[in-house]
Amino acid sequence: KGYGRQQGHSELYRGAEYAVDFLPKIKIEVVVPADEVENVIEKIIENA
């Protein structure tokens, strides 16, 4: 969970408004040879 420029958001639950400061995210970790880094970055950007 985290936030950047989004700064979270507000939601309504049973008529009451509350702040959601941290948003659900997924962290992917991959270890690759140095010469494959640019391909990995490009694929992540293309698909995310």
All heavy atoms as atom14 arrays in JSON, in Angstrom:
{
  "sequence": "KGYGRQQGHSELYRGAEYAVDFLPKIKIEVVVPADEVENVIEKIIENA",
  "atom14_mask": [
    [1, 1, 1, 1, 1, 1, 1, 1, 1, 0, 0, 0, 0, 0],
    [1, 1, 1, 1, 0, 0, 0, 0, 0, 0, 0, 0, 0, 0],
    [1, 1, 1, 1, 1, 1, 1, 1, 1, 1, 1, 1, 0, 0],
    [1, 1, 1, 1, 0, 0, 0, 0, 0, 0, 0, 0, 0, 0],
    [1, 1, 1, 1, 1, 1, 1, 1, 1, 1, 1, 0, 0, 0],
    [1, 1, 1, 1, 1, 1, 1, 1, 1, 0, 0, 0, 0, 0],
    [1, 1, 1, 1, 1, 1, 1, 1, 1, 0, 0, 0, 0, 0],
    [1, 1, 1, 1, 0, 0, 0, 0, 0, 0, 0, 0, 0, 0],
    [1, 1, 1, 1, 1, 1, 1, 1, 1, 1, 0, 0, 0, 0],
    [1, 1, 1, 1, 1, 1, 0, 0, 0, 0, 0, 0, 0, 0],
    [1, 1, 1, 1, 1, 1, 1, 1, 1, 0, 0, 0, 0, 0],
    [1, 1, 1, 1, 1, 1, 1, 1, 0, 0, 0, 0, 0, 0],
    [1, 1, 1, 1, 1, 1, 1, 1, 1, 1, 1, 1, 0, 0],
    [1, 1, 1, 1, 1, 1, 1, 1, 1, 1, 1, 0, 0, 0],
    [1, 1, 1, 1, 0, 0, 0, 0, 0, 0, 0, 0, 0, 0],
    [1, 1, 1, 1, 1, 0, 0, 0, 0, 0, 0, 0, 0, 0],
    [1, 1, 1, 1, 1, 1, 1, 1, 1, 0, 0, 0, 0, 0],
    [1, 1, 1, 1, 1, 1, 1, 1, 1, 1, 1, 1, 0, 0],
    [1, 1, 1, 1, 1, 0, 0, 0, 0, 0, 0, 0, 0, 0],
    [1, 1, 1, 1, 1, 1, 1, 0, 0, 0, 0, 0, 0, 0],
    [1, 1, 1, 1, 1, 1, 1, 1, 0, 0, 0, 0, 0, 0],
    [1, 1, 1, 1, 1, 1, 1, 1, 1, 1, 1, 0, 0, 0],
    [1, 1, 1, 1, 1, 1, 1, 1, 0, 0, 0, 0, 0, 0],
    [1, 1, 1, 1, 1, 1, 1, 0, 0, 0, 0, 0, 0, 0],
    [1, 1, 1, 1, 1, 1, 1, 1, 1, 0, 0, 0, 0, 0],
    [1, 1, 1, 1, 1, 1, 1, 1, 0, 0, 0, 0, 0, 0],
    [1, 1, 1, 1, 1, 1, 1, 1, 1, 0, 0, 0, 0, 0],
    [1, 1, 1, 1, 1, 1, 1, 1, 0, 0, 0, 0, 0, 0],
    [1, 1, 1, 1, 1, 1, 1, 1, 1, 0, 0, 0, 0, 0],
    [1, 1, 1, 1, 1, 1, 1, 0, 0, 0, 0, 0, 0, 0],
    [1, 1, 1, 1, 1, 1, 1, 0, 0, 0, 0, 0, 0, 0],
    [1, 1, 1, 1, 1, 1, 1, 0, 0, 0, 0, 0, 0, 0],
    [1, 1, 1, 1, 1, 1, 1, 0, 0, 0, 0, 0, 0, 0],
    [1, 1, 1, 1, 1, 0, 0, 0, 0, 0, 0, 0, 0, 0],
    [1, 1, 1, 1, 1, 1, 1, 1, 0, 0, 0, 0, 0, 0],
    [1, 1, 1, 1, 1, 1, 1, 1, 1, 0, 0, 0, 0, 0],
    [1, 1, 1, 1, 1, 1, 1, 0, 0, 0, 0, 0, 0, 0],
    [1, 1, 1, 1, 1, 1, 1, 1, 1, 0, 0, 0, 0, 0],
    [1, 1, 1, 1, 1, 1, 1, 1, 0, 0, 0, 0, 0, 0],
    [1, 1, 1, 1, 1, 1, 1, 0, 0, 0, 0, 0, 0, 0],
    [1, 1, 1, 1, 1, 1, 1, 1, 0, 0, 0, 0, 0, 0],
    [1, 1, 1, 1, 1, 1, 1, 1, 1, 0, 0, 0, 0, 0],
    [1, 1, 1, 1, 1, 1, 1, 1, 1, 0, 0, 0, 0, 0],
    [1, 1, 1, 1, 1, 1, 1, 1, 0, 0, 0, 0, 0, 0],
    [1, 1, 1, 1, 1, 1, 1, 1, 0, 0, 0, 0, 0, 0],
    [1, 1, 1, 1, 1, 1, 1, 1, 1, 0, 0, 0, 0, 0],
    [1, 1, 1, 1, 1, 1, 1, 1, 0, 0, 0, 0, 0, 0],
    [1, 1, 1, 1, 1, 0, 0, 0, 0, 0, 0, 0, 0, 0]
  ],
  "atom14_positions": [
    [[0.86, -1.18, 0.0], [0.0, 0.0, 0.0], [0.89, 1.22, 0.0], [1.97, 1.21, 0.57], [-0.9, 0.02, 1.24], [-1.93, -1.08, 1.22], [-2.86, -0.96, 2.4], [-3.84, -2.11, 2.34], [-5.19, -1.68, 2.53], [0.0, 0.0, 0.0], [0.0, 0.0, 0.0], [0.0, 0.0, 0.0], [0.0, 0.0, 0.0], [0.0, 0.0, 0.0]],
    [[0.43, 2.27, -0.66], [1.22, 3.49, -0.69], [0.5, 4.58, -1.46], [-0.62, 4.4, -1.92], [0.0, 0.0, 0.0], [0.0, 0.0, 0.0], [0.0, 0.0, 0.0], [0.0, 0.0, 0.0], [0.0, 0.0, 0.0], [0.0, 0.0, 0.0], [0.0, 0.0, 0.0], [0.0, 0.0, 0.0], [0.0, 0.0, 0.0], [0.0, 0.0, 0.0]],
    [[1.18, 5.71, -1.56], [0.66, 6.8, -2.37], [1.81, 7.68, -2.81], [2.87, 7.7, -2.21], [-0.4, 7.62, -1.64], [0.14, 8.44, -0.48], [0.59, 9.74, -0.69], [0.21, 7.91, 0.8], [1.09, 10.49, 0.36], [0.69, 8.65, 1.85], [1.13, 9.94, 1.62], [1.63, 10.68, 2.66], [0.0, 0.0, 0.0], [0.0, 0.0, 0.0]],
    [[1.59, 8.38, -3.89], [2.54, 9.34, -4.4], [1.8, 10.64, -4.59], [1.23, 11.18, -3.66], [0.0, 0.0, 0.0], [0.0, 0.0, 0.0], [0.0, 0.0, 0.0], [0.0, 0.0, 0.0], [0.0, 0.0, 0.0], [0.0, 0.0, 0.0], [0.0, 0.0, 0.0], [0.0, 0.0, 0.0], [0.0, 0.0, 0.0], [0.0, 0.0, 0.0]],
    [[1.73, 11.09, -5.82], [1.01, 12.33, -6.11], [-0.49, 12.2, -5.92], [-1.19, 13.18, -5.76], [1.31, 12.77, -7.54], [2.71, 13.24, -7.69], [2.93, 13.86, -9.04], [4.32, 14.3, -9.12], [4.95, 14.48, -10.24], [4.34, 14.25, -11.38], [6.2, 14.88, -10.23], [0.0, 0.0, 0.0], [0.0, 0.0, 0.0], [0.0, 0.0, 0.0]],
    [[-0.97, 10.97, -5.92], [-2.41, 10.75, -5.75], [-2.89, 11.25, -4.39], [-4.01, 11.69, -4.25], [-2.75, 9.26, -5.84], [-2.68, 8.7, -7.22], [-2.9, 7.2, -7.19], [-2.02, 6.48, -6.77], [-4.05, 6.76, -7.62], [0.0, 0.0, 0.0], [0.0, 0.0, 0.0], [0.0, 0.0, 0.0], [0.0, 0.0, 0.0], [0.0, 0.0, 0.0]],
    [[-2.06, 11.11, -3.38], [-2.4, 11.52, -2.02], [-3.66, 10.84, -1.49], [-4.38, 11.38, -0.69], [-2.58, 13.05, -1.93], [-1.34, 13.83, -2.29], [-0.23, 13.66, -1.29], [-0.46, 13.66, -0.09], [0.98, 13.48, -1.78], [0.0, 0.0, 0.0], [0.0, 0.0, 0.0], [0.0, 0.0, 0.0], [0.0, 0.0, 0.0], [0.0, 0.0, 0.0]],
    [[-3.95, 9.66, -1.97], [-5.13, 8.92, -1.51], [-6.4, 9.53, -2.07], [-6.37, 10.33, -2.99], [0.0, 0.0, 0.0], [0.0, 0.0, 0.0], [0.0, 0.0, 0.0], [0.0, 0.0, 0.0], [0.0, 0.0, 0.0], [0.0, 0.0, 0.0], [0.0, 0.0, 0.0], [0.0, 0.0, 0.0], [0.0, 0.0, 0.0], [0.0, 0.0, 0.0]],
    [[-7.52, 9.15, -1.5], [-8.81, 9.68, -1.93], [-9.84, 9.47, -0.84], [-9.58, 8.81, 0.16], [-9.25, 9.02, -3.25], [-9.48, 7.55, -3.13], [-8.46, 6.63, -3.2], [-10.61, 6.83, -2.93], [-8.95, 5.4, -3.06], [-10.26, 5.5, -2.89], [0.0, 0.0, 0.0], [0.0, 0.0, 0.0], [0.0, 0.0, 0.0], [0.0, 0.0, 0.0]],
    [[-11.05, 10.03, -1.03], [-12.13, 9.86, -0.07], [-13.13, 8.85, -0.59], [-13.36, 8.76, -1.79], [-12.85, 11.19, 0.17], [-11.96, 12.12, 0.73], [0.0, 0.0, 0.0], [0.0, 0.0, 0.0], [0.0, 0.0, 0.0], [0.0, 0.0, 0.0], [0.0, 0.0, 0.0], [0.0, 0.0, 0.0], [0.0, 0.0, 0.0], [0.0, 0.0, 0.0]],
    [[-13.72, 8.09, 0.33], [-14.76, 7.15, -0.03], [-15.92, 7.28, 0.94], [-15.75, 7.76, 2.05], [-14.22, 5.71, 0.01], [-13.25, 5.39, -1.1], [-12.87, 3.92, -1.15], [-13.4, 3.12, -0.34], [-12.04, 3.58, -2.0], [0.0, 0.0, 0.0], [0.0, 0.0, 0.0], [0.0, 0.0, 0.0], [0.0, 0.0, 0.0], [0.0, 0.0, 0.0]],
    [[-17.07, 6.81, 0.49], [-18.25, 6.79, 1.36], [-18.5, 5.37, 1.83], [-18.42, 4.43, 1.04], [-19.49, 7.28, 0.59], [-19.62, 8.79, 0.41], [-20.82, 9.08, -0.47], [-19.76, 9.49, 1.74], [0.0, 0.0, 0.0], [0.0, 0.0, 0.0], [0.0, 0.0, 0.0], [0.0, 0.0, 0.0], [0.0, 0.0, 0.0], [0.0, 0.0, 0.0]],
    [[-18.77, 5.22, 3.11], [-19.13, 3.92, 3.66], [-20.28, 4.12, 4.62], [-20.16, 4.82, 5.62], [-17.93, 3.29, 4.38], [-18.24, 1.93, 4.98], [-18.42, 0.82, 4.17], [-18.38, 1.79, 6.36], [-18.73, -0.41, 4.7], [-18.67, 0.55, 6.91], [-18.84, -0.55, 6.07], [-19.16, -1.78, 6.61], [0.0, 0.0, 0.0], [0.0, 0.0, 0.0]],
    [[-21.43, 3.54, 4.29], [-22.65, 3.68, 5.09], [-22.96, 5.15, 5.39], [-23.28, 5.52, 6.51], [-22.53, 2.88, 6.39], [-22.46, 1.4, 6.12], [-22.54, 0.63, 7.4], [-22.48, -0.79, 7.1], [-22.64, -1.73, 8.0], [-22.85, -1.42, 9.25], [-22.57, -2.99, 7.66], [0.0, 0.0, 0.0], [0.0, 0.0, 0.0], [0.0, 0.0, 0.0]],
    [[-22.79, 5.96, 4.36], [-23.13, 7.37, 4.49], [-22.06, 8.25, 5.1], [-22.21, 9.47, 5.12], [0.0, 0.0, 0.0], [0.0, 0.0, 0.0], [0.0, 0.0, 0.0], [0.0, 0.0, 0.0], [0.0, 0.0, 0.0], [0.0, 0.0, 0.0], [0.0, 0.0, 0.0], [0.0, 0.0, 0.0], [0.0, 0.0, 0.0], [0.0, 0.0, 0.0]],
    [[-21.0, 7.66, 5.61], [-19.93, 8.45, 6.22], [-18.74, 8.52, 5.26], [-18.36, 7.52, 4.66], [-19.51, 7.84, 7.54], [0.0, 0.0, 0.0], [0.0, 0.0, 0.0], [0.0, 0.0, 0.0], [0.0, 0.0, 0.0], [0.0, 0.0, 0.0], [0.0, 0.0, 0.0], [0.0, 0.0, 0.0], [0.0, 0.0, 0.0], [0.0, 0.0, 0.0]],
    [[-18.17, 9.7, 5.13], [-17.01, 9.87, 4.27], [-15.75, 9.64, 5.09], [-15.64, 10.09, 6.23], [-16.99, 11.28, 3.68], [-15.91, 11.46, 2.65], [-15.99, 12.82, 1.96], [-17.1, 13.38, 1.84], [-14.93, 13.31, 1.55], [0.0, 0.0, 0.0], [0.0, 0.0, 0.0], [0.0, 0.0, 0.0], [0.0, 0.0, 0.0], [0.0, 0.0, 0.0]],
    [[-14.81, 8.9, 4.52], [-13.54, 8.69, 5.21], [-12.41, 8.73, 4.19], [-12.61, 8.48, 3.0], [-13.53, 7.38, 6.0], [-13.62, 6.14, 5.16], [-12.48, 5.41, 4.84], [-14.84, 5.67, 4.66], [-12.55, 4.28, 4.05], [-14.91, 4.54, 3.88], [-13.77, 3.84, 3.59], [-13.83, 2.73, 2.81], [0.0, 0.0, 0.0], [0.0, 0.0, 0.0]],
    [[-11.22, 9.04, 4.66], [-10.06, 9.18, 3.78], [-9.34, 7.85, 3.64], [-9.15, 7.13, 4.63], [-9.1, 10.23, 4.32], [0.0, 0.0, 0.0], [0.0, 0.0, 0.0], [0.0, 0.0, 0.0], [0.0, 0.0, 0.0], [0.0, 0.0, 0.0], [0.0, 0.0, 0.0], [0.0, 0.0, 0.0], [0.0, 0.0, 0.0], [0.0, 0.0, 0.0]],
    [[-8.95, 7.51, 2.42], [-8.11, 6.35, 2.15], [-6.74, 6.91, 1.8], [-6.52, 7.41, 0.7], [-8.68, 5.51, 0.99], [-7.76, 4.34, 0.69], [-10.08, 5.02, 1.33], [0.0, 0.0, 0.0], [0.0, 0.0, 0.0], [0.0, 0.0, 0.0], [0.0, 0.0, 0.0], [0.0, 0.0, 0.0], [0.0, 0.0, 0.0], [0.0, 0.0, 0.0]],
    [[-5.84, 6.9, 2.78], [-4.53, 7.51, 2.59], [-3.6, 6.62, 1.76], [-2.81, 7.13, 0.97], [-3.86, 7.79, 3.93], [-4.61, 8.85, 4.72], [-5.25, 9.71, 4.09], [-4.58, 8.8, 5.95], [0.0, 0.0, 0.0], [0.0, 0.0, 0.0], [0.0, 0.0, 0.0], [0.0, 0.0, 0.0], [0.0, 0.0, 0.0], [0.0, 0.0, 0.0]],
    [[-3.65, 5.33, 1.97], [-2.76, 4.41, 1.27], [-3.58, 3.57, 0.3], [-4.55, 2.93, 0.7], [-2.02, 3.52, 2.27], [-1.09, 4.29, 3.15], [-1.47, 4.65, 4.44], [0.15, 4.68, 2.69], [-0.62, 5.37, 5.25], [1.01, 5.4, 3.49], [0.63, 5.75, 4.77], [0.0, 0.0, 0.0], [0.0, 0.0, 0.0], [0.0, 0.0, 0.0]],
    [[-3.15, 3.56, -0.94], [-3.86, 2.83, -1.98], [-3.2, 1.48, -2.23], [-1.98, 1.35, -2.13], [-3.86, 3.66, -3.27], [-4.47, 5.04, -3.12], [-4.23, 5.86, -4.38], [-5.96, 4.93, -2.84], [0.0, 0.0, 0.0], [0.0, 0.0, 0.0], [0.0, 0.0, 0.0], [0.0, 0.0, 0.0], [0.0, 0.0, 0.0], [0.0, 0.0, 0.0]],
    [[-4.0, 0.46, -2.57], [-3.42, -0.86, -2.84], [-2.58, -0.83, -4.12], [-2.98, -0.27, -5.13], [-4.63, -1.78, -3.0], [-5.76, -0.88, -3.3], [-5.45, 0.46, -2.71], [0.0, 0.0, 0.0], [0.0, 0.0, 0.0], [0.0, 0.0, 0.0], [0.0, 0.0, 0.0], [0.0, 0.0, 0.0], [0.0, 0.0, 0.0], [0.0, 0.0, 0.0]],
    [[-1.4, -1.41, -4.04], [-0.48, -1.51, -5.17], [0.14, -2.9, -5.17], [0.01, -3.65, -4.21], [0.65, -0.47, -5.07], [0.2, 0.97, -5.01], [-0.28, 1.44, -6.36], [-0.69, 2.9, -6.31], [-1.18, 3.36, -7.58], [0.0, 0.0, 0.0], [0.0, 0.0, 0.0], [0.0, 0.0, 0.0], [0.0, 0.0, 0.0], [0.0, 0.0, 0.0]],
    [[0.84, -3.22, -6.24], [1.59, -4.47, -6.35], [3.05, -4.1, -6.59], [3.34, -3.25, -7.43], [1.08, -5.32, -7.53], [-0.35, -5.8, -7.29], [2.01, -6.51, -7.8], [-0.51, -6.81, -6.2], [0.0, 0.0, 0.0], [0.0, 0.0, 0.0], [0.0, 0.0, 0.0], [0.0, 0.0, 0.0], [0.0, 0.0, 0.0], [0.0, 0.0, 0.0]],
    [[3.94, -4.75, -5.86], [5.38, -4.55, -6.1], [5.94, -5.82, -6.71], [5.79, -6.9, -6.16], [6.12, -4.21, -4.8], [7.6, -3.96, -5.06], [8.3, -3.3, -3.9], [8.7, -4.27, -2.85], [9.6, -3.68, -1.84], [0.0, 0.0, 0.0], [0.0, 0.0, 0.0], [0.0, 0.0, 0.0], [0.0, 0.0, 0.0], [0.0, 0.0, 0.0]],
    [[6.57, -5.65, -7.86], [7.21, -6.75, -8.57], [8.72, -6.55, -8.45], [9.22, -5.45, -8.68], [6.82, -6.74, -10.06], [5.31, -6.92, -10.22], [7.57, -7.83, -10.82], [4.83, -6.67, -11.62], [0.0, 0.0, 0.0], [0.0, 0.0, 0.0], [0.0, 0.0, 0.0], [0.0, 0.0, 0.0], [0.0, 0.0, 0.0], [0.0, 0.0, 0.0]],
    [[9.43, -7.62, -8.09], [10.89, -7.57, -8.01], [11.47, -8.62, -8.93], [11.05, -9.78, -8.89], [11.36, -7.82, -6.58], [10.87, -6.77, -5.6], [11.18, -7.15, -4.17], [12.28, -6.78, -3.7], [10.34, -7.81, -3.55], [0.0, 0.0, 0.0], [0.0, 0.0, 0.0], [0.0, 0.0, 0.0], [0.0, 0.0, 0.0], [0.0, 0.0, 0.0]],
    [[12.42, -8.21, -9.77], [13.06, -9.11, -10.72], [14.56, -8.82, -10.69], [14.96, -7.65, -10.75], [12.55, -8.87, -12.15], [12.97, -10.01, -13.06], [11.08, -8.68, -12.21], [0.0, 0.0, 0.0], [0.0, 0.0, 0.0], [0.0, 0.0, 0.0], [0.0, 0.0, 0.0], [0.0, 0.0, 0.0], [0.0, 0.0, 0.0], [0.0, 0.0, 0.0]],
    [[15.39, -9.87, -10.61], [16.84, -9.7, -10.7], [17.28, -10.22, -12.07], [16.95, -11.35, -12.43], [17.56, -10.45, -9.56], [19.07, -10.34, -9.73], [17.13, -9.89, -8.21], [0.0, 0.0, 0.0], [0.0, 0.0, 0.0], [0.0, 0.0, 0.0], [0.0, 0.0, 0.0], [0.0, 0.0, 0.0], [0.0, 0.0, 0.0], [0.0, 0.0, 0.0]],
    [[17.97, -9.35, -12.81], [18.37, -9.69, -14.18], [19.81, -9.25, -14.43], [20.33, -8.38, -13.74], [17.44, -9.0, -15.21], [16.03, -9.51, -15.1], [17.49, -7.49, -15.09], [0.0, 0.0, 0.0], [0.0, 0.0, 0.0], [0.0, 0.0, 0.0], [0.0, 0.0, 0.0], [0.0, 0.0, 0.0], [0.0, 0.0, 0.0], [0.0, 0.0, 0.0]],
    [[20.44, -9.83, -15.45], [21.76, -9.33, -15.86], [21.64, -7.87, -16.3], [20.6, -7.45, -16.82], [22.14, -10.23, -17.04], [21.33, -11.47, -16.86], [20.05, -11.03, -16.22], [0.0, 0.0, 0.0], [0.0, 0.0, 0.0], [0.0, 0.0, 0.0], [0.0, 0.0, 0.0], [0.0, 0.0, 0.0], [0.0, 0.0, 0.0], [0.0, 0.0, 0.0]],
    [[22.69, -7.11, -16.11], [22.66, -5.67, -16.4], [22.24, -5.35, -17.83], [21.56, -4.36, -18.08], [24.01, -5.05, -16.08], [0.0, 0.0, 0.0], [0.0, 0.0, 0.0], [0.0, 0.0, 0.0], [0.0, 0.0, 0.0], [0.0, 0.0, 0.0], [0.0, 0.0, 0.0], [0.0, 0.0, 0.0], [0.0, 0.0, 0.0], [0.0, 0.0, 0.0]],
    [[22.61, -6.21, -18.78], [22.28, -5.93, -20.18], [20.8, -6.15, -20.51], [20.36, -5.8, -21.6], [23.18, -6.74, -21.12], [23.03, -8.24, -20.95], [22.5, -8.69, -19.93], [23.44, -8.98, -21.87], [0.0, 0.0, 0.0], [0.0, 0.0, 0.0], [0.0, 0.0, 0.0], [0.0, 0.0, 0.0], [0.0, 0.0, 0.0], [0.0, 0.0, 0.0]],
    [[20.02, -6.72, -19.59], [18.59, -6.93, -19.84], [17.71, -5.88, -19.19], [16.49, -5.88, -19.39], [18.18, -8.31, -19.32], [18.74, -9.47, -20.12], [18.19, -10.8, -19.64], [17.03, -10.87, -19.21], [18.96, -11.78, -19.68], [0.0, 0.0, 0.0], [0.0, 0.0, 0.0], [0.0, 0.0, 0.0], [0.0, 0.0, 0.0], [0.0, 0.0, 0.0]],
    [[18.3, -4.98, -18.41], [17.51, -4.02, -17.62], [16.62, -3.16, -18.5], [15.43, -2.98, -18.2], [18.43, -3.14, -16.75], [17.67, -1.99, -16.14], [19.07, -3.98, -15.66], [0.0, 0.0, 0.0], [0.0, 0.0, 0.0], [0.0, 0.0, 0.0], [0.0, 0.0, 0.0], [0.0, 0.0, 0.0], [0.0, 0.0, 0.0], [0.0, 0.0, 0.0]],
    [[17.14, -2.6, -19.57], [16.33, -1.71, -20.42], [15.14, -2.44, -21.03], [14.05, -1.88, -21.11], [17.19, -1.06, -21.5], [18.16, -0.02, -20.96], [17.5, 1.05, -20.09], [16.44, 1.58, -20.48], [18.05, 1.36, -19.02], [0.0, 0.0, 0.0], [0.0, 0.0, 0.0], [0.0, 0.0, 0.0], [0.0, 0.0, 0.0], [0.0, 0.0, 0.0]],
    [[15.33, -3.7, -21.46], [14.21, -4.48, -22.01], [13.14, -4.71, -20.95], [11.94, -4.63, -21.24], [14.69, -5.83, -22.54], [15.52, -5.71, -23.79], [15.42, -4.73, -24.51], [16.35, -6.7, -24.04], [0.0, 0.0, 0.0], [0.0, 0.0, 0.0], [0.0, 0.0, 0.0], [0.0, 0.0, 0.0], [0.0, 0.0, 0.0], [0.0, 0.0, 0.0]],
    [[13.57, -5.0, -19.73], [12.63, -5.24, -18.64], [11.84, -3.96, -18.35], [10.61, -3.99, -18.22], [13.37, -5.75, -17.37], [12.45, -5.74, -16.17], [13.92, -7.14, -17.62], [0.0, 0.0, 0.0], [0.0, 0.0, 0.0], [0.0, 0.0, 0.0], [0.0, 0.0, 0.0], [0.0, 0.0, 0.0], [0.0, 0.0, 0.0], [0.0, 0.0, 0.0]],
    [[12.53, -2.84, -18.27], [11.86, -1.56, -18.0], [10.85, -1.25, -19.1], [9.7, -0.88, -18.81], [12.89, -0.43, -17.86], [13.7, -0.61, -16.57], [12.21, 0.94, -17.89], [14.87, 0.33, -16.43], [0.0, 0.0, 0.0], [0.0, 0.0, 0.0], [0.0, 0.0, 0.0], [0.0, 0.0, 0.0], [0.0, 0.0, 0.0], [0.0, 0.0, 0.0]],
    [[11.24, -1.41, -20.35], [10.33, -1.14, -21.46], [9.09, -2.01, -21.4], [7.97, -1.54, -21.64], [11.05, -1.36, -22.8], [12.06, -0.28, -23.12], [12.86, -0.6, -24.37], [12.43, -1.45, -25.19], [13.94, 0.0, -24.53], [0.0, 0.0, 0.0], [0.0, 0.0, 0.0], [0.0, 0.0, 0.0], [0.0, 0.0, 0.0], [0.0, 0.0, 0.0]],
    [[9.26, -3.31, -21.09], [8.11, -4.22, -21.02], [7.18, -3.85, -19.87], [5.96, -3.91, -20.01], [8.57, -5.67, -20.85], [8.81, -6.39, -22.13], [7.54, -6.47, -22.96], [7.83, -7.15, -24.28], [6.69, -7.16, -25.18], [0.0, 0.0, 0.0], [0.0, 0.0, 0.0], [0.0, 0.0, 0.0], [0.0, 0.0, 0.0], [0.0, 0.0, 0.0]],
    [[7.75, -3.47, -18.74], [6.91, -3.08, -17.61], [6.1, -1.83, -17.97], [4.89, -1.78, -17.76], [7.76, -2.85, -16.34], [8.34, -4.18, -15.85], [6.9, -2.19, -15.24], [9.37, -4.05, -14.74], [0.0, 0.0, 0.0], [0.0, 0.0, 0.0], [0.0, 0.0, 0.0], [0.0, 0.0, 0.0], [0.0, 0.0, 0.0], [0.0, 0.0, 0.0]],
    [[6.77, -0.84, -18.53], [6.07, 0.39, -18.92], [4.97, 0.08, -19.94], [3.84, 0.54, -19.81], [7.06, 1.44, -19.48], [7.95, 1.96, -18.35], [6.32, 2.58, -20.16], [9.1, 2.82, -18.83], [0.0, 0.0, 0.0], [0.0, 0.0, 0.0], [0.0, 0.0, 0.0], [0.0, 0.0, 0.0], [0.0, 0.0, 0.0], [0.0, 0.0, 0.0]],
    [[5.31, -0.7, -20.95], [4.36, -1.05, -22.01], [3.11, -1.72, -21.45], [2.0, -1.46, -21.91], [5.06, -1.98, -23.0], [4.22, -2.5, -24.12], [4.98, -3.52, -24.97], [6.18, -3.3, -25.25], [4.37, -4.55, -25.33], [0.0, 0.0, 0.0], [0.0, 0.0, 0.0], [0.0, 0.0, 0.0], [0.0, 0.0, 0.0], [0.0, 0.0, 0.0]],
    [[3.29, -2.58, -20.44], [2.16, -3.36, -19.94], [1.49, -2.78, -18.7], [0.39, -3.21, -18.35], [2.62, -4.78, -19.66], [2.9, -5.54, -20.93], [1.99, -5.95, -21.62], [4.16, -5.68, -21.29], [0.0, 0.0, 0.0], [0.0, 0.0, 0.0], [0.0, 0.0, 0.0], [0.0, 0.0, 0.0], [0.0, 0.0, 0.0], [0.0, 0.0, 0.0]],
    [[2.12, -1.83, -18.02], [1.53, -1.28, -16.79], [0.93, 0.1, -17.0], [0.14, 0.56, -16.18], [2.59, -1.2, -15.69], [0.0, 0.0, 0.0], [0.0, 0.0, 0.0], [0.0, 0.0, 0.0], [0.0, 0.0, 0.0], [0.0, 0.0, 0.0], [0.0, 0.0, 0.0], [0.0, 0.0, 0.0], [0.0, 0.0, 0.0], [0.0, 0.0, 0.0]]
  ]
}
